[in-house]
Amino acid sequence: MYSLAKPFLFHLDAERAHDLGLRGIEAAYRLGLNPLLAGKPKPLPTKAFGLVFPNPVGCAAGLDKNGAHVDALLALGFGFVEVGTVTPRPQEGNPKPRMFRLPEHNAVINRLGFNNGGVDALVRNVSRARRKGGLLGINIGKNKDTHNEDAAEDYLYCLERVYPLADYVTVNISSPNTAGLRELQEEQQLRRLVGELREAQERLGAQHGKRVPMLVKIAPDLSDDDVDACARVLSDLKVDGVIATNTTLDRLPVESHPLAKEAGGLSGAPLYGKSTAVLRRLRGRLDDGVPVIGVGGILSGADAAGKITAGALMVQFYTGLVYRGPELIGECVDAIRRRREGVA
């Protein structure tokens, strides 16, 4: 079915197609038509962060920013869905147009800028979800007009509100579309922010009688020294996991494309090499007990298996869903299964 819808969607503005695509997935779910979109993969249970995931292939944050389509996305066969990024207060994000497809490169440039309805709206949406068949991650950020010195307050506000509903929480400090956000990855700022959030995580665990894992999502544009510093801080603070990586500002892989000069983060196939290199270096320097989710440029099962080879325990994608459709989920699960079994 997606192969029939794709030409129509690709004739539309990218952001409008994104919204219509989500509505289509939701409609298929409510009408019981998911088998027409993709067959559900066979289970491939994966233990991470003290949780058991039905399979190691997840939907990356950014697709469902407000947590309004959790059940429909899980019904496609994802082992987990990460919603957000959500901020304390609603915000419009950056001016439109702010999303651009580069089909020649299987890529997308976006500068959405954490457009979302605010954490209270997400909590209402997620509270209504049945959440059968997979786990839920909630990705949190700061409002655009919150200065970095006050960023911890925004993250703490969101953490407290999503904690009871999330299977895990991701701290997003790596989007390139909120001015200054990536500065929070600097070693001392990172140690201070994550340290405060780790203290809150333990407090909330005692308050709610359950411990919700907390992950940190990093950028692909970090230098080797910066990756090493992140690994050192996140290991010292005993975070539950790391997501590598967000989108890139690097335009070298698409420099000849007419849209290459558009501001924003580049995702899709051109991101694969850079994000996987960061993943590999991070895995080599993180504490062995800190799992990594690999994301960035997955367009095939072989790409997913490559992330596992580089050190990821699980994977996520979003742009791959745009170009390949839901069939990519099962393809990735099967490729990871074969790799685990040692089959070429």
C-alpha atoms as a PDB file:
ATOM      1  CA  MET A   1       0.000   0.000   0.000  1.00  0.00           C
ATOM      2  CA  TYR A   2       2.806   2.436   0.804  1.00  0.00           C
ATOM      3  CA  SER A   3       4.280   2.017  -2.677  1.00  0.00           C
ATOM      4  CA  LEU A   4       0.962   3.267  -4.058  1.00  0.00           C
ATOM      5  CA  ALA A   5       0.729   6.228  -1.667  1.00  0.00           C
ATOM      6  CA  LYS A   6       4.375   7.321  -1.919  1.00  0.00           C
ATOM      7  CA  PRO A   7       4.191   9.076  -5.332  1.00  0.00           C
ATOM      8  CA  PHE A   8       1.224  11.137  -4.138  1.00  0.00           C
ATOM      9  CA  LEU A   9       2.922  12.047  -0.858  1.00  0.00           C
ATOM     10  CA  PHE A  10       6.143  12.997  -2.632  1.00  0.00           C
ATOM     11  CA  HIS A  11       4.253  15.500  -4.780  1.00  0.00           C
ATOM     12  CA  LEU A  12       3.272  17.375  -1.621  1.00  0.00           C
ATOM     13  CA  ASP A  13       5.284  19.690   0.582  1.00  0.00           C
ATOM     14  CA  ALA A  14       7.374  17.469   2.862  1.00  0.00           C
ATOM     15  CA  GLU A  15       5.789  18.623   6.113  1.00  0.00           C
ATOM     16  CA  ARG A  16       2.261  18.288   4.750  1.00  0.00           C
ATOM     17  CA  ALA A  17       3.113  14.800   3.503  1.00  0.00           C
ATOM     18  CA  HIS A  18       4.453  13.982   6.973  1.00  0.00           C
ATOM     19  CA  ASP A  19       1.142  14.975   8.553  1.00  0.00           C
ATOM     20  CA  LEU A  20      -0.933  13.109   5.967  1.00  0.00           C
ATOM     21  CA  GLY A  21       1.263  10.041   6.306  1.00  0.00           C
ATOM     22  CA  LEU A  22       0.681   9.932  10.044  1.00  0.00           C
ATOM     23  CA  ARG A  23      -3.054  10.319   9.521  1.00  0.00           C
ATOM     24  CA  GLY A  24      -2.961   7.478   7.023  1.00  0.00           C
ATOM     25  CA  ILE A  25      -1.129   5.199   9.456  1.00  0.00           C
ATOM     26  CA  GLU A  26      -3.662   6.105  12.143  1.00  0.00           C
ATOM     27  CA  ALA A  27      -6.608   5.443   9.807  1.00  0.00           C
ATOM     28  CA  ALA A  28      -5.190   2.061   8.770  1.00  0.00           C
ATOM     29  CA  TYR A  29      -4.783   1.122  12.426  1.00  0.00           C
ATOM     30  CA  ARG A  30      -8.321   2.090  13.370  1.00  0.00           C
ATOM     31  CA  LEU A  31      -9.756   0.230  10.355  1.00  0.00           C
ATOM     32  CA  GLY A  32      -7.675  -2.874  11.024  1.00  0.00           C
ATOM     33  CA  LEU A  33      -5.788  -2.486   7.756  1.00  0.00           C
ATOM     34  CA  ASN A  34      -2.238  -2.630   9.139  1.00  0.00           C
ATOM     35  CA  PRO A  35      -1.489  -5.928   7.344  1.00  0.00           C
ATOM     36  CA  LEU A  36      -1.837  -3.994   4.081  1.00  0.00           C
ATOM     37  CA  LEU A  37       0.974  -1.677   5.176  1.00  0.00           C
ATOM     38  CA  ALA A  38       3.431  -4.297   6.425  1.00  0.00           C
ATOM     39  CA  GLY A  39       3.525  -7.739   7.974  1.00  0.00           C
ATOM     40  CA  LYS A  40       4.499  -7.800  11.630  1.00  0.00           C
ATOM     41  CA  PRO A  41       7.984  -9.202  12.185  1.00  0.00           C
ATOM     42  CA  LYS A  42       8.522 -12.336  14.244  1.00  0.00           C
ATOM     43  CA  PRO A  43       9.533 -11.496  17.818  1.00  0.00           C
ATOM     44  CA  LEU A  44      13.209 -10.946  18.549  1.00  0.00           C
ATOM     45  CA  PRO A  45      13.253 -10.186  22.297  1.00  0.00           C
ATOM     46  CA  THR A  46      16.017  -7.805  23.316  1.00  0.00           C
ATOM     47  CA  LYS A  47      16.992  -6.882  26.876  1.00  0.00           C
ATOM     48  CA  ALA A  48      18.162  -3.321  27.459  1.00  0.00           C
ATOM     49  CA  PHE A  49      18.020  -0.793  30.309  1.00  0.00           C
ATOM     50  CA  GLY A  50      16.317  -3.374  32.521  1.00  0.00           C
ATOM     51  CA  LEU A  51      13.487  -3.766  29.979  1.00  0.00           C
ATOM     52  CA  VAL A  52      12.578  -6.464  27.472  1.00  0.00           C
ATOM     53  CA  PHE A  53      11.769  -5.133  23.994  1.00  0.00           C
ATOM     54  CA  PRO A  54       9.727  -7.333  21.598  1.00  0.00           C
ATOM     55  CA  ASN A  55      12.299  -6.582  18.920  1.00  0.00           C
ATOM     56  CA  PRO A  56      15.282  -4.219  18.636  1.00  0.00           C
ATOM     57  CA  VAL A  57      13.902  -1.930  15.919  1.00  0.00           C
ATOM     58  CA  GLY A  58      12.327   1.345  17.009  1.00  0.00           C
ATOM     59  CA  CYS A  59      10.702   4.450  15.599  1.00  0.00           C
ATOM     60  CA  ALA A  60      12.961   7.440  16.221  1.00  0.00           C
ATOM     61  CA  ALA A  61      11.766  10.625  17.891  1.00  0.00           C
ATOM     62  CA  GLY A  62      10.514  13.386  15.613  1.00  0.00           C
ATOM     63  CA  LEU A  63       7.882  11.445  13.710  1.00  0.00           C
ATOM     64  CA  ASP A  64       5.191  11.622  16.400  1.00  0.00           C
ATOM     65  CA  LYS A  65       6.108  14.738  18.335  1.00  0.00           C
ATOM     66  CA  ASN A  66       2.948  14.874  20.453  1.00  0.00           C
ATOM     67  CA  GLY A  67       2.498  11.173  21.202  1.00  0.00           C
ATOM     68  CA  ALA A  68      -0.796  11.109  19.299  1.00  0.00           C
ATOM     69  CA  HIS A  69      -0.117   7.957  17.237  1.00  0.00           C
ATOM     70  CA  VAL A  70       1.609   5.570  19.618  1.00  0.00           C
ATOM     71  CA  ASP A  71      -0.739   2.614  19.077  1.00  0.00           C
ATOM     72  CA  ALA A  72      -0.801   3.008  15.299  1.00  0.00           C
ATOM     73  CA  LEU A  73       2.997   3.080  15.077  1.00  0.00           C
ATOM     74  CA  LEU A  74       3.442   0.109  17.395  1.00  0.00           C
ATOM     75  CA  ALA A  75       0.929  -1.799  15.278  1.00  0.00           C
ATOM     76  CA  LEU A  76       3.303  -1.477  12.300  1.00  0.00           C
ATOM     77  CA  GLY A  77       5.681  -3.830  14.082  1.00  0.00           C
ATOM     78  CA  PHE A  78       8.134  -1.507  15.831  1.00  0.00           C
ATOM     79  CA  GLY A  79       9.517  -2.990  19.029  1.00  0.00           C
ATOM     80  CA  PHE A  80       9.429   0.466  20.552  1.00  0.00           C
ATOM     81  CA  VAL A  81       8.303   3.946  19.623  1.00  0.00           C
ATOM     82  CA  GLU A  82       9.965   7.145  20.846  1.00  0.00           C
ATOM     83  CA  VAL A  83       7.732  10.222  20.813  1.00  0.00           C
ATOM     84  CA  GLY A  84       8.684  13.894  21.100  1.00  0.00           C
ATOM     85  CA  THR A  85      10.774  15.939  21.349  1.00  0.00           C
ATOM     86  CA  VAL A  86       8.425  17.599  23.835  1.00  0.00           C
ATOM     87  CA  THR A  87       9.032  20.873  25.678  1.00  0.00           C
ATOM     88  CA  PRO A  88       7.439  22.322  28.825  1.00  0.00           C
ATOM     89  CA  ARG A  89       5.361  24.886  26.928  1.00  0.00           C
ATOM     90  CA  PRO A  90       3.806  24.573  23.455  1.00  0.00           C
ATOM     91  CA  GLN A  91       5.838  26.152  20.687  1.00  0.00           C
ATOM     92  CA  GLU A  92       5.365  26.643  16.952  1.00  0.00           C
ATOM     93  CA  GLY A  93       8.910  25.823  15.977  1.00  0.00           C
ATOM     94  CA  ASN A  94      10.720  27.570  13.149  1.00  0.00           C
ATOM     95  CA  PRO A  95       9.000  29.340  10.230  1.00  0.00           C
ATOM     96  CA  LYS A  96       7.782  27.271   7.284  1.00  0.00           C
ATOM     97  CA  PRO A  97       8.906  25.841   4.949  1.00  0.00           C
ATOM     98  CA  ARG A  98      11.179  23.896   7.261  1.00  0.00           C
ATOM     99  CA  MET A  99      11.338  20.360   5.867  1.00  0.00           C
ATOM    100  CA  PHE A 100      12.861  19.374   2.514  1.00  0.00           C
ATOM    101  CA  ARG A 101      13.252  16.023   0.765  1.00  0.00           C
ATOM    102  CA  LEU A 102      16.350  15.170  -1.281  1.00  0.00           C
ATOM    103  CA  PRO A 103      15.143  12.014  -3.081  1.00  0.00           C
ATOM    104  CA  GLU A 104      18.340  11.631  -5.092  1.00  0.00           C
ATOM    105  CA  HIS A 105      20.120  11.035  -1.790  1.00  0.00           C
ATOM    106  CA  ASN A 106      17.345   9.313   0.187  1.00  0.00           C
ATOM    107  CA  ALA A 107      17.656  12.232   2.584  1.00  0.00           C
ATOM    108  CA  VAL A 108      15.697  14.924   4.387  1.00  0.00           C
ATOM    109  CA  ILE A 109      16.722  18.332   5.716  1.00  0.00           C
ATOM    110  CA  ASN A 110      14.574  19.658   8.541  1.00  0.00           C
ATOM    111  CA  ARG A 111      14.670  22.697  10.767  1.00  0.00           C
ATOM    112  CA  LEU A 112      11.394  22.100  12.572  1.00  0.00           C
ATOM    113  CA  GLY A 113      12.692  23.387  15.889  1.00  0.00           C
ATOM    114  CA  PHE A 114      10.865  21.298  18.509  1.00  0.00           C
ATOM    115  CA  ASN A 115       7.394  22.192  17.242  1.00  0.00           C
ATOM    116  CA  ASN A 116       5.007  20.522  19.676  1.00  0.00           C
ATOM    117  CA  GLY A 117       1.902  21.058  21.782  1.00  0.00           C
ATOM    118  CA  GLY A 118       3.744  21.053  25.111  1.00  0.00           C
ATOM    119  CA  VAL A 119       4.278  18.320  27.655  1.00  0.00           C
ATOM    120  CA  ASP A 120       0.753  18.457  29.096  1.00  0.00           C
ATOM    121  CA  ALA A 121      -0.757  17.719  25.667  1.00  0.00           C
ATOM    122  CA  LEU A 122       1.631  14.814  25.151  1.00  0.00           C
ATOM    123  CA  VAL A 123       0.782  13.398  28.576  1.00  0.00           C
ATOM    124  CA  ARG A 124      -2.927  13.509  27.714  1.00  0.00           C
ATOM    125  CA  ASN A 125      -2.316  11.736  24.404  1.00  0.00           C
ATOM    126  CA  VAL A 126      -0.083   9.047  25.848  1.00  0.00           C
ATOM    127  CA  SER A 127      -2.466   8.455  28.743  1.00  0.00           C
ATOM    128  CA  ARG A 128      -5.137   7.413  26.216  1.00  0.00           C
ATOM    129  CA  ALA A 129      -2.879   4.984  24.345  1.00  0.00           C
ATOM    130  CA  ARG A 130      -3.332   1.254  24.844  1.00  0.00           C
ATOM    131  CA  ARG A 131       0.371   0.615  24.104  1.00  0.00           C
ATOM    132  CA  LYS A 132       0.095  -3.029  23.129  1.00  0.00           C
ATOM    133  CA  GLY A 133       2.924  -4.818  21.426  1.00  0.00           C
ATOM    134  CA  GLY A 134       5.871  -2.577  22.253  1.00  0.00           C
ATOM    135  CA  LEU A 135       7.494  -0.085  24.590  1.00  0.00           C
ATOM    136  CA  LEU A 136       7.324   3.710  24.707  1.00  0.00           C
ATOM    137  CA  GLY A 137      10.148   6.201  24.965  1.00  0.00           C
ATOM    138  CA  ILE A 138       9.506   9.896  25.539  1.00  0.00           C
ATOM    139  CA  ASN A 139      12.069  12.399  24.264  1.00  0.00           C
ATOM    140  CA  ILE A 140      12.337  15.668  26.220  1.00  0.00           C
ATOM    141  CA  GLY A 141      13.890  19.042  25.406  1.00  0.00           C
ATOM    142  CA  LYS A 142      13.897  22.690  26.357  1.00  0.00           C
ATOM    143  CA  ASN A 143      11.869  25.593  25.018  1.00  0.00           C
ATOM    144  CA  LYS A 144      13.561  27.805  22.454  1.00  0.00           C
ATOM    145  CA  ASP A 145      13.462  30.881  24.703  1.00  0.00           C
ATOM    146  CA  THR A 146      14.943  29.119  27.729  1.00  0.00           C
ATOM    147  CA  HIS A 147      18.592  30.081  28.194  1.00  0.00           C
ATOM    148  CA  ASN A 148      21.082  27.254  28.576  1.00  0.00           C
ATOM    149  CA  GLU A 149      21.859  28.226  32.150  1.00  0.00           C
ATOM    150  CA  ASP A 150      18.205  27.516  32.942  1.00  0.00           C
ATOM    151  CA  ALA A 151      17.872  24.455  30.700  1.00  0.00           C
ATOM    152  CA  ALA A 152      17.881  21.999  33.585  1.00  0.00           C
ATOM    153  CA  GLU A 153      14.590  23.455  34.818  1.00  0.00           C
ATOM    154  CA  ASP A 154      12.896  22.658  31.491  1.00  0.00           C
ATOM    155  CA  TYR A 155      14.264  19.122  31.370  1.00  0.00           C
ATOM    156  CA  LEU A 156      13.314  18.507  34.998  1.00  0.00           C
ATOM    157  CA  TYR A 157       9.805  19.842  34.383  1.00  0.00           C
ATOM    158  CA  CYS A 158       9.298  17.453  31.483  1.00  0.00           C
ATOM    159  CA  LEU A 159      10.959  14.522  33.247  1.00  0.00           C
ATOM    160  CA  GLU A 160       8.651  14.831  36.231  1.00  0.00           C
ATOM    161  CA  ARG A 161       5.533  14.879  34.065  1.00  0.00           C
ATOM    162  CA  VAL A 162       6.379  12.064  31.666  1.00  0.00           C
ATOM    163  CA  TYR A 163       8.051   9.792  34.207  1.00  0.00           C
ATOM    164  CA  PRO A 164       4.910   7.853  35.240  1.00  0.00           C
ATOM    165  CA  LEU A 165       3.999   7.112  31.599  1.00  0.00           C
ATOM    166  CA  ALA A 166       7.331   6.380  29.935  1.00  0.00           C
ATOM    167  CA  ASP A 167       9.107   3.056  29.608  1.00  0.00           C
ATOM    168  CA  TYR A 168      12.235   5.145  29.133  1.00  0.00           C
ATOM    169  CA  VAL A 169      13.027   8.870  28.782  1.00  0.00           C
ATOM    170  CA  THR A 170      15.523  10.406  26.346  1.00  0.00           C
ATOM    171  CA  VAL A 171      17.260  13.706  27.050  1.00  0.00           C
ATOM    172  CA  ASN A 172      17.710  15.503  23.720  1.00  0.00           C
ATOM    173  CA  ILE A 173      20.684  17.854  23.813  1.00  0.00           C
ATOM    174  CA  SER A 174      21.680  17.338  20.206  1.00  0.00           C
ATOM    175  CA  SER A 175      19.088  18.858  17.866  1.00  0.00           C
ATOM    176  CA  PRO A 176      20.736  21.390  15.541  1.00  0.00           C
ATOM    177  CA  ASN A 177      17.501  23.373  15.213  1.00  0.00           C
ATOM    178  CA  THR A 178      17.345  25.055  18.637  1.00  0.00           C
ATOM    179  CA  ALA A 179      20.023  27.736  18.908  1.00  0.00           C
ATOM    180  CA  GLY A 180      22.731  26.837  21.418  1.00  0.00           C
ATOM    181  CA  LEU A 181      21.255  23.470  22.370  1.00  0.00           C
ATOM    182  CA  ARG A 182      24.291  21.482  21.304  1.00  0.00           C
ATOM    183  CA  GLU A 183      26.445  23.531  23.689  1.00  0.00           C
ATOM    184  CA  LEU A 184      24.898  21.396  26.433  1.00  0.00           C
ATOM    185  CA  GLN A 185      27.076  18.531  25.149  1.00  0.00           C
ATOM    186  CA  GLU A 186      30.202  20.382  26.322  1.00  0.00           C
ATOM    187  CA  GLU A 187      31.783  18.333  29.082  1.00  0.00           C
ATOM    188  CA  GLN A 188      31.133  20.531  32.105  1.00  0.00           C
ATOM    189  CA  GLN A 189      27.633  21.566  31.023  1.00  0.00           C
ATOM    190  CA  LEU A 190      26.816  17.951  30.248  1.00  0.00           C
ATOM    191  CA  ARG A 191      28.032  16.783  33.637  1.00  0.00           C
ATOM    192  CA  ARG A 192      26.012  19.440  35.430  1.00  0.00           C
ATOM    193  CA  LEU A 193      22.779  18.870  33.456  1.00  0.00           C
ATOM    194  CA  VAL A 194      22.827  15.084  33.425  1.00  0.00           C
ATOM    195  CA  GLY A 195      23.910  15.030  37.071  1.00  0.00           C
ATOM    196  CA  GLU A 196      20.816  17.001  38.068  1.00  0.00           C
ATOM    197  CA  LEU A 197      18.588  14.795  35.948  1.00  0.00           C
ATOM    198  CA  ARG A 198      20.102  11.622  37.389  1.00  0.00           C
ATOM    199  CA  GLU A 199      19.353  12.857  40.901  1.00  0.00           C
ATOM    200  CA  ALA A 200      15.766  13.594  39.847  1.00  0.00           C
ATOM    201  CA  GLN A 201      15.493  10.182  38.207  1.00  0.00           C
ATOM    202  CA  GLU A 202      16.397   8.436  41.454  1.00  0.00           C
ATOM    203  CA  ARG A 203      14.030  10.641  43.448  1.00  0.00           C
ATOM    204  CA  LEU A 204      11.166   9.984  41.025  1.00  0.00           C
ATOM    205  CA  GLY A 205      11.919   6.276  41.116  1.00  0.00           C
ATOM    206  CA  ALA A 206      11.421   6.225  44.873  1.00  0.00           C
ATOM    207  CA  GLN A 207       8.320   8.412  44.586  1.00  0.00           C
ATOM    208  CA  HIS A 208       6.614   6.273  41.926  1.00  0.00           C
ATOM    209  CA  GLY A 209       7.880   2.891  43.026  1.00  0.00           C
ATOM    210  CA  LYS A 210       9.523   2.160  39.658  1.00  0.00           C
ATOM    211  CA  ARG A 211      12.774   3.086  38.001  1.00  0.00           C
ATOM    212  CA  VAL A 212      12.387   4.533  34.505  1.00  0.00           C
ATOM    213  CA  PRO A 213      15.611   4.385  32.452  1.00  0.00           C
ATOM    214  CA  MET A 214      17.075   7.664  31.206  1.00  0.00           C
ATOM    215  CA  LEU A 215      19.017   7.918  27.942  1.00  0.00           C
ATOM    216  CA  VAL A 216      20.950  10.803  26.374  1.00  0.00           C
ATOM    217  CA  LYS A 217      20.884  11.534  22.617  1.00  0.00           C
ATOM    218  CA  ILE A 218      24.070  12.958  21.107  1.00  0.00           C
ATOM    219  CA  ALA A 219      25.025  14.635  17.822  1.00  0.00           C
ATOM    220  CA  PRO A 220      27.011  13.141  14.930  1.00  0.00           C
ATOM    221  CA  ASP A 221      29.067  16.302  14.514  1.00  0.00           C
ATOM    222  CA  LEU A 222      31.122  15.913  17.687  1.00  0.00           C
ATOM    223  CA  SER A 223      34.901  15.743  17.394  1.00  0.00           C
ATOM    224  CA  ASP A 224      36.665  12.604  18.596  1.00  0.00           C
ATOM    225  CA  ASP A 225      37.689  14.430  21.772  1.00  0.00           C
ATOM    226  CA  ASP A 226      34.086  15.511  22.359  1.00  0.00           C
ATOM    227  CA  VAL A 227      32.811  11.958  21.876  1.00  0.00           C
ATOM    228  CA  ASP A 228      35.398  10.757  24.368  1.00  0.00           C
ATOM    229  CA  ALA A 229      34.331  13.436  26.853  1.00  0.00           C
ATOM    230  CA  CYS A 230      30.656  12.497  26.447  1.00  0.00           C
ATOM    231  CA  ALA A 231      31.493   8.850  27.004  1.00  0.00           C
ATOM    232  CA  ARG A 232      33.464   9.730  30.119  1.00  0.00           C
ATOM    233  CA  VAL A 233      30.692  11.867  31.626  1.00  0.00           C
ATOM    234  CA  LEU A 234      27.845   9.499  30.775  1.00  0.00           C
ATOM    235  CA  SER A 235      29.778   6.532  32.138  1.00  0.00           C
ATOM    236  CA  ASP A 236      30.665   8.389  35.341  1.00  0.00           C
ATOM    237  CA  LEU A 237      27.041   9.397  35.893  1.00  0.00           C
ATOM    238  CA  LYS A 238      25.798   5.894  35.076  1.00  0.00           C
ATOM    239  CA  VAL A 239      23.151   6.865  32.557  1.00  0.00           C
ATOM    240  CA  ASP A 240      21.074   3.935  31.388  1.00  0.00           C
ATOM    241  CA  GLY A 241      21.841   4.329  27.691  1.00  0.00           C
ATOM    242  CA  VAL A 242      22.901   6.575  24.829  1.00  0.00           C
ATOM    243  CA  ILE A 243      21.286   7.239  21.443  1.00  0.00           C
ATOM    244  CA  ALA A 244      23.770   7.879  18.634  1.00  0.00           C
ATOM    245  CA  THR A 245      22.965  10.024  16.749  1.00  0.00           C
ATOM    246  CA  ASN A 246      20.801  12.989  15.868  1.00  0.00           C
ATOM    247  CA  THR A 247      20.896  14.730  12.447  1.00  0.00           C
ATOM    248  CA  THR A 248      23.995  16.392  10.991  1.00  0.00           C
ATOM    249  CA  LEU A 249      24.906  19.899   9.865  1.00  0.00           C
ATOM    250  CA  ASP A 250      27.477  18.472   7.455  1.00  0.00           C
ATOM    251  CA  ARG A 251      26.510  19.058   3.809  1.00  0.00           C
ATOM    252  CA  LEU A 252      29.501  17.467   2.114  1.00  0.00           C
ATOM    253  CA  PRO A 253      27.597  14.311   1.058  1.00  0.00           C
ATOM    254  CA  VAL A 254      24.898  16.416  -0.661  1.00  0.00           C
ATOM    255  CA  GLU A 255      26.860  19.560  -1.561  1.00  0.00           C
ATOM    256  CA  SER A 256      25.831  19.446  -5.225  1.00  0.00           C
ATOM    257  CA  HIS A 257      22.103  19.339  -4.446  1.00  0.00           C
ATOM    258  CA  PRO A 258      20.091  22.575  -4.959  1.00  0.00           C
ATOM    259  CA  LEU A 259      18.707  22.295  -1.418  1.00  0.00           C
ATOM    260  CA  ALA A 260      22.061  21.658   0.249  1.00  0.00           C
ATOM    261  CA  LYS A 261      22.236  25.229   1.568  1.00  0.00           C
ATOM    262  CA  GLU A 262      18.931  24.975   3.418  1.00  0.00           C
ATOM    263  CA  ALA A 263      19.517  25.318   7.164  1.00  0.00           C
ATOM    264  CA  GLY A 264      18.685  22.398   9.401  1.00  0.00           C
ATOM    265  CA  GLY A 265      19.670  18.847  10.202  1.00  0.00           C
ATOM    266  CA  LEU A 266      20.381  16.364   7.427  1.00  0.00           C
ATOM    267  CA  SER A 267      19.042  12.840   7.910  1.00  0.00           C
ATOM    268  CA  GLY A 268      18.808   9.732   5.776  1.00  0.00           C
ATOM    269  CA  ALA A 269      21.416   7.814   3.803  1.00  0.00           C
ATOM    270  CA  PRO A 270      24.108  10.576   3.785  1.00  0.00           C
ATOM    271  CA  LEU A 271      24.168  10.515   7.589  1.00  0.00           C
ATOM    272  CA  TYR A 272      24.953   6.817   7.878  1.00  0.00           C
ATOM    273  CA  GLY A 273      28.749   6.923   7.765  1.00  0.00           C
ATOM    274  CA  LYS A 274      29.176   9.845  10.154  1.00  0.00           C
ATOM    275  CA  SER A 275      26.640   8.599  12.694  1.00  0.00           C
ATOM    276  CA  THR A 276      28.031   5.059  12.613  1.00  0.00           C
ATOM    277  CA  ALA A 277      31.582   6.315  13.134  1.00  0.00           C
ATOM    278  CA  VAL A 278      30.450   8.237  16.227  1.00  0.00           C
ATOM    279  CA  LEU A 279      28.567   5.157  17.425  1.00  0.00           C
ATOM    280  CA  ARG A 280      31.648   2.968  17.001  1.00  0.00           C
ATOM    281  CA  ARG A 281      33.938   5.374  18.852  1.00  0.00           C
ATOM    282  CA  LEU A 282      31.380   5.933  21.606  1.00  0.00           C
ATOM    283  CA  ARG A 283      30.895   2.199  22.112  1.00  0.00           C
ATOM    284  CA  GLY A 284      34.631   1.740  22.498  1.00  0.00           C
ATOM    285  CA  ARG A 285      34.814   4.337  25.271  1.00  0.00           C
ATOM    286  CA  LEU A 286      31.561   3.957  27.170  1.00  0.00           C
ATOM    287  CA  ASP A 287      31.264   1.755  30.212  1.00  0.00           C
ATOM    288  CA  ASP A 288      30.351  -1.738  29.002  1.00  0.00           C
ATOM    289  CA  GLY A 289      27.126  -1.607  30.998  1.00  0.00           C
ATOM    290  CA  VAL A 290      25.731   1.374  29.043  1.00  0.00           C
ATOM    291  CA  PRO A 291      23.857   0.160  25.921  1.00  0.00           C
ATOM    292  CA  VAL A 292      23.706   2.260  22.749  1.00  0.00           C
ATOM    293  CA  ILE A 293      20.832   2.681  20.294  1.00  0.00           C
ATOM    294  CA  GLY A 294      22.090   3.319  16.766  1.00  0.00           C
ATOM    295  CA  VAL A 295      20.143   5.736  14.597  1.00  0.00           C
ATOM    296  CA  GLY A 296      21.031   7.659  11.466  1.00  0.00           C
ATOM    297  CA  GLY A 297      20.824   6.664   7.819  1.00  0.00           C
ATOM    298  CA  ILE A 298      19.159   3.271   8.092  1.00  0.00           C
ATOM    299  CA  LEU A 299      17.545   2.532   4.715  1.00  0.00           C
ATOM    300  CA  SER A 300      17.951  -1.256   4.622  1.00  0.00           C
ATOM    301  CA  GLY A 301      18.331  -4.327   6.759  1.00  0.00           C
ATOM    302  CA  ALA A 302      22.048  -4.301   5.995  1.00  0.00           C
ATOM    303  CA  ASP A 303      22.273  -0.771   7.407  1.00  0.00           C
ATOM    304  CA  ALA A 304      20.601  -1.927  10.625  1.00  0.00           C
ATOM    305  CA  ALA A 305      22.957  -4.886  10.923  1.00  0.00           C
ATOM    306  CA  GLY A 306      25.859  -2.501  10.336  1.00  0.00           C
ATOM    307  CA  LYS A 307      24.818  -0.451  13.359  1.00  0.00           C
ATOM    308  CA  ILE A 308      24.796  -3.626  15.458  1.00  0.00           C
ATOM    309  CA  THR A 309      28.267  -4.512  14.172  1.00  0.00           C
ATOM    310  CA  ALA A 310      29.448  -1.018  15.168  1.00  0.00           C
ATOM    311  CA  GLY A 311      28.286  -1.611  18.743  1.00  0.00           C
ATOM    312  CA  ALA A 312      24.577  -0.788  18.947  1.00  0.00           C
ATOM    313  CA  LEU A 313      22.271  -3.080  20.865  1.00  0.00           C
ATOM    314  CA  MET A 314      19.162  -1.725  19.138  1.00  0.00           C
ATOM    315  CA  VAL A 315      18.360   0.652  16.255  1.00  0.00           C
ATOM    316  CA  GLN A 316      15.873   3.347  15.310  1.00  0.00           C
ATOM    317  CA  PHE A 317      14.898   5.079  12.085  1.00  0.00           C
ATOM    318  CA  TYR A 318      12.551   7.799  10.844  1.00  0.00           C
ATOM    319  CA  THR A 319      13.721   8.998   7.413  1.00  0.00           C
ATOM    320  CA  GLY A 320      13.940   5.363   6.328  1.00  0.00           C
ATOM    321  CA  LEU A 321      10.211   5.104   6.915  1.00  0.00           C
ATOM    322  CA  VAL A 322       9.685   8.030   4.529  1.00  0.00           C
ATOM    323  CA  TYR A 323      11.630   6.418   1.696  1.00  0.00           C
ATOM    324  CA  ARG A 324      11.040   2.709   2.273  1.00  0.00           C
ATOM    325  CA  GLY A 325       7.750   2.535   4.161  1.00  0.00           C
ATOM    326  CA  PRO A 326       6.772   0.124   6.962  1.00  0.00           C
ATOM    327  CA  GLU A 327       8.263  -2.918   5.230  1.00  0.00           C
ATOM    328  CA  LEU A 328      11.652  -1.640   6.411  1.00  0.00           C
ATOM    329  CA  ILE A 329      10.769  -2.603   9.992  1.00  0.00           C
ATOM    330  CA  GLY A 330      10.577  -6.331   9.346  1.00  0.00           C
ATOM    331  CA  GLU A 331      13.572  -6.192   7.008  1.00  0.00           C
ATOM    332  CA  CYS A 332      15.680  -4.688   9.795  1.00  0.00           C
ATOM    333  CA  VAL A 333      14.439  -7.158  12.416  1.00  0.00           C
ATOM    334  CA  ASP A 334      15.268 -10.080  10.116  1.00  0.00           C
ATOM    335  CA  ALA A 335      18.732  -8.690   9.320  1.00  0.00           C
ATOM    336  CA  ILE A 336      19.542  -8.269  13.007  1.00  0.00           C
ATOM    337  CA  ARG A 337      18.217 -11.771  13.686  1.00  0.00           C
ATOM    338  CA  ARG A 338      20.522 -13.217  11.027  1.00  0.00           C
ATOM    339  CA  ARG A 339      23.463 -11.319  12.427  1.00  0.00           C
ATOM    340  CA  ARG A 340      22.770 -12.627  15.922  1.00  0.00           C
ATOM    341  CA  GLU A 341      22.603 -16.135  14.549  1.00  0.00           C
ATOM    342  CA  GLY A 342      25.842 -15.627  12.675  1.00  0.00           C
ATOM    343  CA  VAL A 343      24.241 -16.023   9.259  1.00  0.00           C
ATOM    344  CA  ALA A 344      25.660 -13.858   6.478  1.00  0.00           C
END
